[in-house]
Amino acid sequence: MEPTNNLSEQVIREHVLMRKIIGAFRSQNGAEYYQYIASVFATWRLQGKDVYDELKELLYSPMNFV
């Protein structure tokens, strides 16, 4: 384990810059939705998956409701 949190800082850097460029989010819900989506995209990248392909597969897959 690295003694610094440099990897964590690098991971959130893109999102902090986005927040500063657009001047924050318009609502609490919007900020939470962005957080969830960004987390899924980051997880796919860390797993070596293509974000576009994974998102396309997710959107085209049939919804199974209980």
Protein backbone atom coordinates (compact mmCIF):
# COMPACT_ATOMS: atom_id res chain seq x y z
CA MET A 1 0.00 0.00 0.00
CA GLU A 2 1.28 3.43 -0.88
CA PRO A 3 1.92 5.83 2.01
CA THR A 4 0.07 8.65 0.21
CA ASN A 5 -3.45 9.06 -1.11
CA ASN A 6 -2.19 10.21 -4.53
CA LEU A 7 -4.22 7.58 -6.43
CA SER A 8 -7.41 8.71 -4.72
CA GLU A 9 -6.68 12.33 -5.54
CA GLN A 10 -6.03 11.46 -9.18
CA VAL A 11 -9.32 9.57 -9.40
CA ILE A 12 -11.44 12.49 -8.15
CA ARG A 13 -9.48 15.24 -9.93
CA GLU A 14 -11.58 15.02 -13.12
CA HIS A 15 -14.79 15.39 -11.12
CA VAL A 16 -13.54 18.29 -9.03
CA LEU A 17 -12.51 20.11 -12.20
CA MET A 18 -15.93 19.44 -13.73
CA ARG A 19 -17.64 20.88 -10.65
CA LYS A 20 -15.47 24.00 -10.73
CA ILE A 21 -15.86 24.56 -14.47
CA ILE A 22 -19.65 24.36 -14.46
CA GLY A 23 -19.99 26.17 -11.13
CA ALA A 24 -21.32 23.28 -9.03
CA PHE A 25 -24.50 21.34 -9.61
CA ARG A 26 -27.99 22.80 -9.84
CA SER A 27 -29.55 20.58 -7.18
CA GLN A 28 -28.68 18.03 -4.52
CA ASN A 29 -30.34 15.31 -6.60
CA GLY A 30 -28.26 16.27 -9.65
CA ALA A 31 -25.06 16.07 -7.61
CA GLU A 32 -26.03 12.65 -6.25
CA TYR A 33 -26.92 11.29 -9.70
CA TYR A 34 -23.61 12.54 -11.09
CA GLN A 35 -21.81 10.87 -8.18
CA TYR A 36 -23.45 7.51 -8.91
CA ILE A 37 -22.82 7.65 -12.65
CA ALA A 38 -19.22 8.80 -12.22
CA SER A 39 -18.62 5.97 -9.73
CA VAL A 40 -19.90 3.34 -12.16
CA PHE A 41 -17.79 4.74 -15.01
CA ALA A 42 -14.67 4.84 -12.81
CA THR A 43 -15.25 1.24 -11.70
CA TRP A 44 -15.54 0.08 -15.31
CA ARG A 45 -12.31 1.91 -16.22
CA LEU A 46 -10.46 0.32 -13.29
CA GLN A 47 -11.73 -3.09 -14.43
CA GLY A 48 -10.34 -2.41 -17.92
CA LYS A 49 -13.77 -2.29 -19.52
CA ASP A 50 -14.84 0.05 -22.32
CA VAL A 51 -17.26 2.55 -20.75
CA TYR A 52 -19.16 3.11 -24.01
CA ASP A 53 -19.67 -0.61 -24.63
CA GLU A 54 -20.72 -1.28 -21.03
CA LEU A 55 -23.18 1.61 -21.05
CA LYS A 56 -24.62 0.51 -24.39
CA GLU A 57 -25.04 -3.04 -23.10
CA LEU A 58 -26.73 -1.76 -19.95
CA LEU A 59 -29.13 0.49 -21.83
CA TYR A 60 -30.07 -2.14 -24.41
CA SER A 61 -30.51 -4.99 -21.93
CA PRO A 62 -34.11 -5.88 -21.03
CA MET A 63 -35.30 -4.64 -17.67
CA ASN A 64 -36.30 -7.46 -15.34
CA PHE A 65 -38.73 -6.20 -12.75
CA VAL A 66 -39.91 -8.42 -9.92
